[in-house]
Amino acid sequence: MANCVFCQIIAQDLPTDFVYENEKMVVFRDIHPKAEVHLLIVPREHIASLIDAKVQHGPLIAEMLLLLPKLAKEQGLERGFRTVINTGPGGGQIIDHIHFHLLGAKHSGYLPKF
């Protein structure tokens, strides 16, 4: 979608350094981090929100979720991490493209309320 900021990032129309990418998804740092480590895991396919996900998206969503522990370890989050999916405007979703937040702190272990 031309007006979707995540679609623009995926198309590399907006400059972003990917922490990880494959044929199904990209991962990059949130520009307004809520924690020391704050990554966004975004599918290349435009799915507006979790509400719009269909059964056929199950394998993609599972792959995204299973990537989270690997990313957390690479980011030094051995003590744990938080995963957040904001869904719809009432759930705090700002960009209409499903994405997962990976949040954590490397040293203090303190993670603010999200």
PDB file of N, CA and C in Angstrom:
ATOM      1  N   MET A   1       0.847  -1.175   0.000  1.00  0.00           N
ATOM      2  CA  MET A   1       0.000   0.000   0.000  1.00  0.00           C
ATOM      3  C   MET A   1       0.891   1.237   0.000  1.00  0.00           C
ATOM      4  N   ALA A   2       0.636   2.120  -0.913  1.00  0.00           N
ATOM      5  CA  ALA A   2       1.504   3.275  -1.136  1.00  0.00           C
ATOM      6  C   ALA A   2       1.615   4.205   0.064  1.00  0.00           C
ATOM      7  N   ASN A   3       0.549   4.343   0.847  1.00  0.00           N
ATOM      8  CA  ASN A   3       0.574   5.279   1.962  1.00  0.00           C
ATOM      9  C   ASN A   3       0.955   4.623   3.287  1.00  0.00           C
ATOM     10  N   CYS A   4       1.304   3.350   3.292  1.00  0.00           N
ATOM     11  CA  CYS A   4       1.679   2.645   4.513  1.00  0.00           C
ATOM     12  C   CYS A   4       3.176   2.834   4.761  1.00  0.00           C
ATOM     13  N   VAL A   5       3.526   3.407   5.894  1.00  0.00           N
ATOM     14  CA  VAL A   5       4.930   3.677   6.189  1.00  0.00           C
ATOM     15  C   VAL A   5       5.747   2.390   6.259  1.00  0.00           C
ATOM     16  N   PHE A   6       5.168   1.312   6.772  1.00  0.00           N
ATOM     17  CA  PHE A   6       5.908   0.049   6.829  1.00  0.00           C
ATOM     18  C   PHE A   6       6.122  -0.526   5.428  1.00  0.00           C
ATOM     19  N   CYS A   7       5.137  -0.396   4.553  1.00  0.00           N
ATOM     20  CA  CYS A   7       5.310  -0.845   3.168  1.00  0.00           C
ATOM     21  C   CYS A   7       6.405  -0.027   2.489  1.00  0.00           C
ATOM     22  N   GLN A   8       6.487   1.274   2.799  1.00  0.00           N
ATOM     23  CA  GLN A   8       7.541   2.127   2.245  1.00  0.00           C
ATOM     24  C   GLN A   8       8.911   1.708   2.770  1.00  0.00           C
ATOM     25  N   ILE A   9       8.983   1.334   4.050  1.00  0.00           N
ATOM     26  CA  ILE A   9      10.241   0.861   4.630  1.00  0.00           C
ATOM     27  C   ILE A   9      10.646  -0.455   3.976  1.00  0.00           C
ATOM     28  N   ILE A  10       9.703  -1.370   3.839  1.00  0.00           N
ATOM     29  CA  ILE A  10       9.978  -2.672   3.220  1.00  0.00           C
ATOM     30  C   ILE A  10      10.470  -2.493   1.788  1.00  0.00           C
ATOM     31  N   ALA A  11       9.874  -1.555   1.056  1.00  0.00           N
ATOM     32  CA  ALA A  11      10.277  -1.277  -0.328  1.00  0.00           C
ATOM     33  C   ALA A  11      11.576  -0.469  -0.385  1.00  0.00           C
ATOM     34  N   GLN A  12      12.095  -0.102   0.756  1.00  0.00           N
ATOM     35  CA  GLN A  12      13.305   0.710   0.898  1.00  0.00           C
ATOM     36  C   GLN A  12      13.145   2.098   0.292  1.00  0.00           C
ATOM     37  N   ASP A  13      11.892   2.590   0.293  1.00  0.00           N
ATOM     38  CA  ASP A  13      11.627   3.969  -0.111  1.00  0.00           C
ATOM     39  C   ASP A  13      11.959   4.927   1.025  1.00  0.00           C
ATOM     40  N   LEU A  14      11.994   4.404   2.240  1.00  0.00           N
ATOM     41  CA  LEU A  14      12.417   5.167   3.416  1.00  0.00           C
ATOM     42  C   LEU A  14      13.664   4.489   3.968  1.00  0.00           C
ATOM     43  N   PRO A  15      14.691   5.262   4.286  1.00  0.00           N
ATOM     44  CA  PRO A  15      15.938   4.643   4.750  1.00  0.00           C
ATOM     45  C   PRO A  15      15.777   3.990   6.118  1.00  0.00           C
ATOM     46  N   THR A  16      16.121   2.716   6.175  1.00  0.00           N
ATOM     47  CA  THR A  16      16.043   1.952   7.416  1.00  0.00           C
ATOM     48  C   THR A  16      17.116   0.876   7.379  1.00  0.00           C
ATOM     49  N   ASP A  17      17.792   0.699   8.495  1.00  0.00           N
ATOM     50  CA  ASP A  17      18.752  -0.391   8.616  1.00  0.00           C
ATOM     51  C   ASP A  17      18.027  -1.593   9.194  1.00  0.00           C
ATOM     52  N   PHE A  18      17.955  -2.660   8.429  1.00  0.00           N
ATOM     53  CA  PHE A  18      17.306  -3.864   8.900  1.00  0.00           C
ATOM     54  C   PHE A  18      18.245  -4.629   9.823  1.00  0.00           C
ATOM     55  N   VAL A  19      17.719  -5.034  10.981  1.00  0.00           N
ATOM     56  CA  VAL A  19      18.438  -5.890  11.909  1.00  0.00           C
ATOM     57  C   VAL A  19      18.413  -7.321  11.382  1.00  0.00           C
ATOM     58  N   TYR A  20      17.316  -7.652  10.677  1.00  0.00           N
ATOM     59  CA  TYR A  20      17.119  -8.987  10.117  1.00  0.00           C
ATOM     60  C   TYR A  20      16.133  -8.843   8.967  1.00  0.00           C
ATOM     61  N   GLU A  21      16.283  -9.685   7.968  1.00  0.00           N
ATOM     62  CA  GLU A  21      15.283  -9.742   6.903  1.00  0.00           C
ATOM     63  C   GLU A  21      15.361 -11.088   6.203  1.00  0.00           C
ATOM     64  N   ASN A  22      14.227 -11.523   5.722  1.00  0.00           N
ATOM     65  CA  ASN A  22      14.156 -12.676   4.838  1.00  0.00           C
ATOM     66  C   ASN A  22      13.041 -12.404   3.831  1.00  0.00           C
ATOM     67  N   GLU A  23      12.636 -13.409   3.077  1.00  0.00           N
ATOM     68  CA  GLU A  23      11.631 -13.193   2.033  1.00  0.00           C
ATOM     69  C   GLU A  23      10.238 -12.902   2.588  1.00  0.00           C
ATOM     70  N   LYS A  24      10.024 -13.158   3.891  1.00  0.00           N
ATOM     71  CA  LYS A  24       8.694 -12.989   4.474  1.00  0.00           C
ATOM     72  C   LYS A  24       8.566 -11.796   5.416  1.00  0.00           C
ATOM     73  N   MET A  25       9.687 -11.320   5.976  1.00  0.00           N
ATOM     74  CA  MET A  25       9.585 -10.274   7.002  1.00  0.00           C
ATOM     75  C   MET A  25      10.862  -9.456   7.082  1.00  0.00           C
ATOM     76  N   VAL A  26      10.742  -8.309   7.751  1.00  0.00           N
ATOM     77  CA  VAL A  26      11.889  -7.464   8.063  1.00  0.00           C
ATOM     78  C   VAL A  26      11.831  -7.106   9.546  1.00  0.00           C
ATOM     79  N   VAL A  27      12.993  -6.790  10.106  1.00  0.00           N
ATOM     80  CA  VAL A  27      13.083  -6.377  11.499  1.00  0.00           C
ATOM     81  C   VAL A  27      13.959  -5.128  11.551  1.00  0.00           C
ATOM     82  N   PHE A  28      13.480  -4.113  12.265  1.00  0.00           N
ATOM     83  CA  PHE A  28      14.245  -2.880  12.402  1.00  0.00           C
ATOM     84  C   PHE A  28      13.932  -2.237  13.751  1.00  0.00           C
ATOM     85  N   ARG A  29      14.764  -1.273  14.145  1.00  0.00           N
ATOM     86  CA  ARG A  29      14.605  -0.596  15.434  1.00  0.00           C
ATOM     87  C   ARG A  29      13.470   0.427  15.364  1.00  0.00           C
ATOM     88  N   ASP A  30      12.696   0.490  16.431  1.00  0.00           N
ATOM     89  CA  ASP A  30      11.630   1.482  16.540  1.00  0.00           C
ATOM     90  C   ASP A  30      12.262   2.865  16.649  1.00  0.00           C
ATOM     91  N   ILE A  31      11.727   3.842  15.913  1.00  0.00           N
ATOM     92  CA  ILE A  31      12.303   5.193  15.973  1.00  0.00           C
ATOM     93  C   ILE A  31      11.902   5.938  17.247  1.00  0.00           C
ATOM     94  N   HIS A  32      10.929   5.407  17.979  1.00  0.00           N
ATOM     95  CA  HIS A  32      10.521   5.972  19.272  1.00  0.00           C
ATOM     96  C   HIS A  32      10.569   4.857  20.315  1.00  0.00           C
ATOM     97  N   PRO A  33      11.773   4.400  20.664  1.00  0.00           N
ATOM     98  CA  PRO A  33      11.886   3.221  21.535  1.00  0.00           C
ATOM     99  C   PRO A  33      11.292   3.440  22.921  1.00  0.00           C
ATOM    100  N   LYS A  34      10.669   2.388  23.420  1.00  0.00           N
ATOM    101  CA  LYS A  34      10.086   2.378  24.763  1.00  0.00           C
ATOM    102  C   LYS A  34      10.957   1.589  25.728  1.00  0.00           C
ATOM    103  N   ALA A  35      12.081   1.054  25.230  1.00  0.00           N
ATOM    104  CA  ALA A  35      13.004   0.275  26.048  1.00  0.00           C
ATOM    105  C   ALA A  35      14.385   0.373  25.412  1.00  0.00           C
ATOM    106  N   GLU A  36      15.383  -0.077  26.145  1.00  0.00           N
ATOM    107  CA  GLU A  36      16.758  -0.062  25.629  1.00  0.00           C
ATOM    108  C   GLU A  36      16.838  -0.774  24.275  1.00  0.00           C
ATOM    109  N   VAL A  37      16.191  -1.918  24.169  1.00  0.00           N
ATOM    110  CA  VAL A  37      16.051  -2.628  22.898  1.00  0.00           C
ATOM    111  C   VAL A  37      14.572  -2.597  22.527  1.00  0.00           C
ATOM    112  N   HIS A  38      14.282  -2.083  21.355  1.00  0.00           N
ATOM    113  CA  HIS A  38      12.894  -2.029  20.880  1.00  0.00           C
ATOM    114  C   HIS A  38      12.913  -2.266  19.377  1.00  0.00           C
ATOM    115  N   LEU A  39      12.620  -3.508  18.994  1.00  0.00           N
ATOM    116  CA  LEU A  39      12.597  -3.887  17.591  1.00  0.00           C
ATOM    117  C   LEU A  39      11.167  -4.077  17.113  1.00  0.00           C
ATOM    118  N   LEU A  40      10.963  -3.872  15.823  1.00  0.00           N
ATOM    119  CA  LEU A  40       9.678  -4.130  15.181  1.00  0.00           C
ATOM    120  C   LEU A  40       9.867  -5.261  14.187  1.00  0.00           C
ATOM    121  N   ILE A  41       9.021  -6.272  14.278  1.00  0.00           N
ATOM    122  CA  ILE A  41       9.031  -7.399  13.362  1.00  0.00           C
ATOM    123  C   ILE A  41       7.809  -7.210  12.459  1.00  0.00           C
ATOM    124  N   VAL A  42       8.046  -7.026  11.164  1.00  0.00           N
ATOM    125  CA  VAL A  42       6.996  -6.611  10.233  1.00  0.00           C
ATOM    126  C   VAL A  42       6.967  -7.556   9.030  1.00  0.00           C
ATOM    127  N   PRO A  43       5.814  -8.143   8.721  1.00  0.00           N
ATOM    128  CA  PRO A  43       5.745  -9.000   7.532  1.00  0.00           C
ATOM    129  C   PRO A  43       5.798  -8.147   6.264  1.00  0.00           C
ATOM    130  N   ARG A  44       6.390  -8.704   5.231  1.00  0.00           N
ATOM    131  CA  ARG A  44       6.419  -7.997   3.946  1.00  0.00           C
ATOM    132  C   ARG A  44       5.005  -7.881   3.364  1.00  0.00           C
ATOM    133  N   GLU A  45       4.182  -8.879   3.612  1.00  0.00           N
ATOM    134  CA  GLU A  45       2.793  -8.827   3.149  1.00  0.00           C
ATOM    135  C   GLU A  45       2.022  -7.820   3.990  1.00  0.00           C
ATOM    136  N   HIS A  46       1.262  -6.973   3.323  1.00  0.00           N
ATOM    137  CA  HIS A  46       0.473  -5.984   4.055  1.00  0.00           C
ATOM    138  C   HIS A  46      -0.779  -6.652   4.624  1.00  0.00           C
ATOM    139  N   ILE A  47      -0.794  -6.771   5.945  1.00  0.00           N
ATOM    140  CA  ILE A  47      -1.960  -7.231   6.702  1.00  0.00           C
ATOM    141  C   ILE A  47      -2.231  -6.101   7.681  1.00  0.00           C
ATOM    142  N   ALA A  48      -3.410  -5.520   7.629  1.00  0.00           N
ATOM    143  CA  ALA A  48      -3.661  -4.302   8.398  1.00  0.00           C
ATOM    144  C   ALA A  48      -3.486  -4.491   9.911  1.00  0.00           C
ATOM    145  N   SER A  49      -4.023  -5.562  10.462  1.00  0.00           N
ATOM    146  CA  SER A  49      -3.912  -5.785  11.906  1.00  0.00           C
ATOM    147  C   SER A  49      -4.170  -7.260  12.201  1.00  0.00           C
ATOM    148  N   LEU A  50      -4.019  -7.628  13.448  1.00  0.00           N
ATOM    149  CA  LEU A  50      -4.296  -9.008  13.848  1.00  0.00           C
ATOM    150  C   LEU A  50      -5.751  -9.371  13.558  1.00  0.00           C
ATOM    151  N   ILE A  51      -6.636  -8.400  13.632  1.00  0.00           N
ATOM    152  CA  ILE A  51      -8.055  -8.627  13.321  1.00  0.00           C
ATOM    153  C   ILE A  51      -8.224  -9.094  11.874  1.00  0.00           C
ATOM    154  N   ASP A  52      -7.356  -8.620  10.988  1.00  0.00           N
ATOM    155  CA  ASP A  52      -7.451  -8.934   9.570  1.00  0.00           C
ATOM    156  C   ASP A  52      -6.691 -10.201   9.173  1.00  0.00           C
ATOM    157  N   ALA A  53      -5.958 -10.794  10.110  1.00  0.00           N
ATOM    158  CA  ALA A  53      -5.203 -12.014   9.813  1.00  0.00           C
ATOM    159  C   ALA A  53      -6.174 -13.167   9.562  1.00  0.00           C
ATOM    160  N   LYS A  54      -5.838 -13.980   8.594  1.00  0.00           N
ATOM    161  CA  LYS A  54      -6.653 -15.132   8.215  1.00  0.00           C
ATOM    162  C   LYS A  54      -5.891 -16.417   8.524  1.00  0.00           C
ATOM    163  N   VAL A  55      -6.558 -17.537   8.409  1.00  0.00           N
ATOM    164  CA  VAL A  55      -5.940 -18.835   8.668  1.00  0.00           C
ATOM    165  C   VAL A  55      -4.680 -19.012   7.830  1.00  0.00           C
ATOM    166  N   GLN A  56      -4.699 -18.562   6.592  1.00  0.00           N
ATOM    167  CA  GLN A  56      -3.529 -18.721   5.731  1.00  0.00           C
ATOM    168  C   GLN A  56      -2.325 -17.915   6.218  1.00  0.00           C
ATOM    169  N   HIS A  57      -2.542 -16.941   7.107  1.00  0.00           N
ATOM    170  CA  HIS A  57      -1.434 -16.163   7.662  1.00  0.00           C
ATOM    171  C   HIS A  57      -0.799 -16.860   8.872  1.00  0.00           C
ATOM    172  N   GLY A  58      -1.396 -17.947   9.327  1.00  0.00           N
ATOM    173  CA  GLY A  58      -0.905 -18.654  10.513  1.00  0.00           C
ATOM    174  C   GLY A  58       0.569 -19.025  10.452  1.00  0.00           C
ATOM    175  N   PRO A  59       1.039 -19.647   9.366  1.00  0.00           N
ATOM    176  CA  PRO A  59       2.463 -19.991   9.301  1.00  0.00           C
ATOM    177  C   PRO A  59       3.380 -18.764   9.365  1.00  0.00           C
ATOM    178  N   LEU A  60       2.985 -17.676   8.724  1.00  0.00           N
ATOM    179  CA  LEU A  60       3.773 -16.445   8.759  1.00  0.00           C
ATOM    180  C   LEU A  60       3.840 -15.894  10.181  1.00  0.00           C
ATOM    181  N   ILE A  61       2.705 -15.824  10.848  1.00  0.00           N
ATOM    182  CA  ILE A  61       2.668 -15.305  12.220  1.00  0.00           C
ATOM    183  C   ILE A  61       3.472 -16.198  13.151  1.00  0.00           C
ATOM    184  N   ALA A  62       3.363 -17.501  12.966  1.00  0.00           N
ATOM    185  CA  ALA A  62       4.148 -18.428  13.783  1.00  0.00           C
ATOM    186  C   ALA A  62       5.639 -18.211  13.554  1.00  0.00           C
ATOM    187  N   GLU A  63       6.045 -18.054  12.313  1.00  0.00           N
ATOM    188  CA  GLU A  63       7.463 -17.819  12.010  1.00  0.00           C
ATOM    189  C   GLU A  63       7.953 -16.519  12.640  1.00  0.00           C
ATOM    190  N   MET A  64       7.122 -15.486  12.607  1.00  0.00           N
ATOM    191  CA  MET A  64       7.488 -14.213  13.228  1.00  0.00           C
ATOM    192  C   MET A  64       7.670 -14.387  14.739  1.00  0.00           C
ATOM    193  N   LEU A  65       6.729 -15.079  15.368  1.00  0.00           N
ATOM    194  CA  LEU A  65       6.814 -15.299  16.813  1.00  0.00           C
ATOM    195  C   LEU A  65       8.025 -16.139  17.193  1.00  0.00           C
ATOM    196  N   LEU A  66       8.320 -17.150  16.405  1.00  0.00           N
ATOM    197  CA  LEU A  66       9.456 -18.017  16.709  1.00  0.00           C
ATOM    198  C   LEU A  66      10.793 -17.336  16.460  1.00  0.00           C
ATOM    199  N   LEU A  67      10.798 -16.261  15.697  1.00  0.00           N
ATOM    200  CA  LEU A  67      12.019 -15.484  15.487  1.00  0.00           C
ATOM    201  C   LEU A  67      12.360 -14.632  16.716  1.00  0.00           C
ATOM    202  N   LEU A  68      11.360 -14.284  17.507  1.00  0.00           N
ATOM    203  CA  LEU A  68      11.574 -13.371  18.641  1.00  0.00           C
ATOM    204  C   LEU A  68      12.661 -13.838  19.612  1.00  0.00           C
ATOM    205  N   PRO A  69      12.677 -15.087  20.083  1.00  0.00           N
ATOM    206  CA  PRO A  69      13.745 -15.497  21.004  1.00  0.00           C
ATOM    207  C   PRO A  69      15.142 -15.407  20.388  1.00  0.00           C
ATOM    208  N   LYS A  70      15.257 -15.724  19.109  1.00  0.00           N
ATOM    209  CA  LYS A  70      16.548 -15.622  18.423  1.00  0.00           C
ATOM    210  C   LYS A  70      17.008 -14.169  18.394  1.00  0.00           C
ATOM    211  N   LEU A  71      16.125 -13.261  18.025  1.00  0.00           N
ATOM    212  CA  LEU A  71      16.460 -11.840  17.995  1.00  0.00           C
ATOM    213  C   LEU A  71      16.821 -11.336  19.390  1.00  0.00           C
ATOM    214  N   ALA A  72      16.044 -11.756  20.393  1.00  0.00           N
ATOM    215  CA  ALA A  72      16.300 -11.323  21.766  1.00  0.00           C
ATOM    216  C   ALA A  72      17.699 -11.748  22.208  1.00  0.00           C
ATOM    217  N   LYS A  73      18.057 -12.965  21.918  1.00  0.00           N
ATOM    218  CA  LYS A  73      19.387 -13.456  22.293  1.00  0.00           C
ATOM    219  C   LYS A  73      20.471 -12.645  21.591  1.00  0.00           C
ATOM    220  N   GLU A  74      20.294 -12.388  20.305  1.00  0.00           N
ATOM    221  CA  GLU A  74      21.269 -11.599  19.542  1.00  0.00           C
ATOM    222  C   GLU A  74      21.407 -10.180  20.082  1.00  0.00           C
ATOM    223  N   GLN A  75      20.334  -9.660  20.687  1.00  0.00           N
ATOM    224  CA  GLN A  75      20.343  -8.301  21.228  1.00  0.00           C
ATOM    225  C   GLN A  75      20.807  -8.251  22.684  1.00  0.00           C
ATOM    226  N   GLY A  76      21.176  -9.393  23.248  1.00  0.00           N
ATOM    227  CA  GLY A  76      21.675  -9.423  24.622  1.00  0.00           C
ATOM    228  C   GLY A  76      20.591  -9.464  25.677  1.00  0.00           C
ATOM    229  N   LEU A  77      19.425  -9.956  25.325  1.00  0.00           N
ATOM    230  CA  LEU A  77      18.285  -9.987  26.255  1.00  0.00           C
ATOM    231  C   LEU A  77      18.127 -11.369  26.882  1.00  0.00           C
ATOM    232  N   GLU A  78      19.209 -11.899  27.421  1.00  0.00           N
ATOM    233  CA  GLU A  78      19.174 -13.237  28.014  1.00  0.00           C
ATOM    234  C   GLU A  78      18.235 -13.336  29.217  1.00  0.00           C
ATOM    235  N   ARG A  79      17.998 -12.219  29.904  1.00  0.00           N
ATOM    236  CA  ARG A  79      17.143 -12.230  31.102  1.00  0.00           C
ATOM    237  C   ARG A  79      15.659 -12.272  30.768  1.00  0.00           C
ATOM    238  N   GLY A  80      15.335 -12.028  29.503  1.00  0.00           N
ATOM    239  CA  GLY A  80      13.932 -12.042  29.094  1.00  0.00           C
ATOM    240  C   GLY A  80      13.583 -10.823  28.266  1.00  0.00           C
ATOM    241  N   PHE A  81      12.366 -10.821  27.773  1.00  0.00           N
ATOM    242  CA  PHE A  81      11.912  -9.732  26.908  1.00  0.00           C
ATOM    243  C   PHE A  81      10.389  -9.687  26.915  1.00  0.00           C
ATOM    244  N   ARG A  82       9.866  -8.621  26.374  1.00  0.00           N
ATOM    245  CA  ARG A  82       8.412  -8.443  26.249  1.00  0.00           C
ATOM    246  C   ARG A  82       8.062  -8.423  24.770  1.00  0.00           C
ATOM    247  N   THR A  83       6.940  -9.039  24.444  1.00  0.00           N
ATOM    248  CA  THR A  83       6.408  -9.032  23.085  1.00  0.00           C
ATOM    249  C   THR A  83       5.036  -8.367  23.134  1.00  0.00           C
ATOM    250  N   VAL A  84       4.815  -7.402  22.227  1.00  0.00           N
ATOM    251  CA  VAL A  84       3.553  -6.668  22.211  1.00  0.00           C
ATOM    252  C   VAL A  84       3.006  -6.636  20.788  1.00  0.00           C
ATOM    253  N   ILE A  85       1.710  -6.876  20.668  1.00  0.00           N
ATOM    254  CA  ILE A  85       1.003  -6.699  19.399  1.00  0.00           C
ATOM    255  C   ILE A  85      -0.155  -5.745  19.685  1.00  0.00           C
ATOM    256  N   ASN A  86      -0.052  -4.516  19.223  1.00  0.00           N
ATOM    257  CA  ASN A  86      -1.151  -3.567  19.350  1.00  0.00           C
ATOM    258  C   ASN A  86      -2.115  -3.830  18.201  1.00  0.00           C
ATOM    259  N   THR A  87      -3.407  -3.915  18.511  1.00  0.00           N
ATOM    260  CA  THR A  87      -4.389  -4.256  17.497  1.00  0.00           C
ATOM    261  C   THR A  87      -5.506  -3.227  17.467  1.00  0.00           C
ATOM    262  N   GLY A  88      -5.611  -2.521  16.353  1.00  0.00           N
ATOM    263  CA  GLY A  88      -6.659  -1.526  16.175  1.00  0.00           C
ATOM    264  C   GLY A  88      -6.397  -0.271  16.979  1.00  0.00           C
ATOM    265  N   PRO A  89      -7.123   0.797  16.673  1.00  0.00           N
ATOM    266  CA  PRO A  89      -6.912   2.065  17.365  1.00  0.00           C
ATOM    267  C   PRO A  89      -7.180   1.976  18.876  1.00  0.00           C
ATOM    268  N   GLY A  90      -8.144   1.155  19.265  1.00  0.00           N
ATOM    269  CA  GLY A  90      -8.426   0.986  20.685  1.00  0.00           C
ATOM    270  C   GLY A  90      -7.351   0.206  21.413  1.00  0.00           C
ATOM    271  N   GLY A  91      -6.524  -0.526  20.662  1.00  0.00           N
ATOM    272  CA  GLY A  91      -5.428  -1.295  21.240  1.00  0.00           C
ATOM    273  C   GLY A  91      -4.087  -0.594  21.108  1.00  0.00           C
ATOM    274  N   GLY A  92      -4.100   0.650  20.653  1.00  0.00           N
ATOM    275  CA  GLY A  92      -2.868   1.425  20.562  1.00  0.00           C
ATOM    276  C   GLY A  92      -2.125   1.281  19.241  1.00  0.00           C
ATOM    277  N   GLN A  93      -2.725   0.611  18.242  1.00  0.00           N
ATOM    278  CA  GLN A  93      -2.052   0.462  16.951  1.00  0.00           C
ATOM    279  C   GLN A  93      -2.082   1.788  16.209  1.00  0.00           C
ATOM    280  N   ILE A  94      -0.917   2.265  15.816  1.00  0.00           N
ATOM    281  CA  ILE A  94      -0.803   3.550  15.118  1.00  0.00           C
ATOM    282  C   ILE A  94      -0.663   3.348  13.615  1.00  0.00           C
ATOM    283  N   ILE A  95       0.115   2.353  13.213  1.00  0.00           N
ATOM    284  CA  ILE A  95       0.342   2.078  11.794  1.00  0.00           C
ATOM    285  C   ILE A  95      -0.464   0.836  11.415  1.00  0.00           C
ATOM    286  N   ASP A  96      -1.297   0.981  10.394  1.00  0.00           N
ATOM    287  CA  ASP A  96      -2.171  -0.117   9.973  1.00  0.00           C
ATOM    288  C   ASP A  96      -1.418  -1.134   9.120  1.00  0.00           C
ATOM    289  N   HIS A  97      -0.498  -1.838   9.765  1.00  0.00           N
ATOM    290  CA  HIS A  97       0.267  -2.935   9.165  1.00  0.00           C
ATOM    291  C   HIS A  97       0.705  -3.775  10.352  1.00  0.00           C
ATOM    292  N   ILE A  98       0.224  -4.992  10.443  1.00  0.00           N
ATOM    293  CA  ILE A  98       0.516  -5.831  11.610  1.00  0.00           C
ATOM    294  C   ILE A  98       2.024  -5.860  11.870  1.00  0.00           C
ATOM    295  N   HIS A  99       2.387  -5.779  13.135  1.00  0.00           N
ATOM    296  CA  HIS A  99       3.797  -5.845  13.529  1.00  0.00           C
ATOM    297  C   HIS A  99       3.884  -6.224  14.998  1.00  0.00           C
ATOM    298  N   PHE A 100       4.987  -6.847  15.338  1.00  0.00           N
ATOM    299  CA  PHE A 100       5.248  -7.246  16.721  1.00  0.00           C
ATOM    300  C   PHE A 100       6.354  -6.370  17.273  1.00  0.00           C
ATOM    301  N   HIS A 101       6.190  -5.962  18.528  1.00  0.00           N
ATOM    302  CA  HIS A 101       7.236  -5.220  19.232  1.00  0.00           C
ATOM    303  C   HIS A 101       8.024  -6.208  20.087  1.00  0.00           C
ATOM    304  N   LEU A 102       9.325  -6.116  20.033  1.00  0.00           N
ATOM    305  CA  LEU A 102      10.218  -6.868  20.913  1.00  0.00           C
ATOM    306  C   LEU A 102      10.926  -5.838  21.774  1.00  0.00           C
ATOM    307  N   LEU A 103      10.701  -5.905  23.095  1.00  0.00           N
ATOM    308  CA  LEU A 103      11.261  -4.917  24.011  1.00  0.00           C
ATOM    309  C   LEU A 103      12.045  -5.601  25.113  1.00  0.00           C
ATOM    310  N   GLY A 104      13.132  -4.969  25.521  1.00  0.00           N
ATOM    311  CA  GLY A 104      13.907  -5.518  26.621  1.00  0.00           C
ATOM    312  C   GLY A 104      15.020  -4.593  27.039  1.00  0.00           C
ATOM    313  N   ALA A 105      15.603  -4.925  28.182  1.00  0.00           N
ATOM    314  CA  ALA A 105      16.733  -4.178  28.725  1.00  0.00           C
ATOM    315  C   ALA A 105      17.879  -5.149  28.937  1.00  0.00           C
ATOM    316  N   LYS A 106      19.053  -4.775  28.464  1.00  0.00           N
ATOM    317  CA  LYS A 106      20.214  -5.664  28.534  1.00  0.00           C
ATOM    318  C   LYS A 106      20.755  -5.797  29.951  1.00  0.00           C
ATOM    319  N   HIS A 107      20.751  -4.720  30.729  1.00  0.00           N
ATOM    320  CA  HIS A 107      21.454  -4.734  31.985  1.00  0.00           C
ATOM    321  C   HIS A 107      20.540  -4.642  33.208  1.00  0.00           C
ATOM    322  N   SER A 108      19.718  -3.621  33.244  1.00  0.00           N
ATOM    323  CA  SER A 108      18.949  -3.379  34.475  1.00  0.00           C
ATOM    324  C   SER A 108      17.793  -4.349  34.654  1.00  0.00           C
ATOM    325  N   GLY A 109      17.314  -4.887  33.562  1.00  0.00           N
ATOM    326  CA  GLY A 109      16.161  -5.766  33.665  1.00  0.00           C
ATOM    327  C   GLY A 109      14.850  -5.003  33.797  1.00  0.00           C
ATOM    328  N   TYR A 110      14.933  -3.671  33.998  1.00  0.00           N
ATOM    329  CA  TYR A 110      13.732  -2.863  34.139  1.00  0.00           C
ATOM    330  C   TYR A 110      13.109  -2.627  32.782  1.00  0.00           C
ATOM    331  N   LEU A 111      11.827  -2.851  32.691  1.00  0.00           N
ATOM    332  CA  LEU A 111      11.090  -2.621  31.470  1.00  0.00           C
ATOM    333  C   LEU A 111       9.862  -1.786  31.807  1.00  0.00           C
ATOM    334  N   PRO A 112       9.781  -0.567  31.262  1.00  0.00           N
ATOM    335  CA  PRO A 112       8.638   0.281  31.600  1.00  0.00           C
ATOM    336  C   PRO A 112       7.321  -0.296  31.109  1.00  0.00           C
ATOM    337  N   LYS A 113       6.240   0.155  31.716  1.00  0.00           N
ATOM    338  CA  LYS A 113       4.903  -0.265  31.280  1.00  0.00           C
ATOM    339  C   LYS A 113       4.709   0.217  29.855  1.00  0.00           C
ATOM    340  N   PHE A 114       4.087  -0.602  29.055  1.00  0.00           N
ATOM    341  CA  PHE A 114       3.883  -0.282  27.634  1.00  0.00           C
ATOM    342  C   PHE A 114       2.476   0.152  27.403  1.00  0.00           C
TER     343      PHE A 114
END
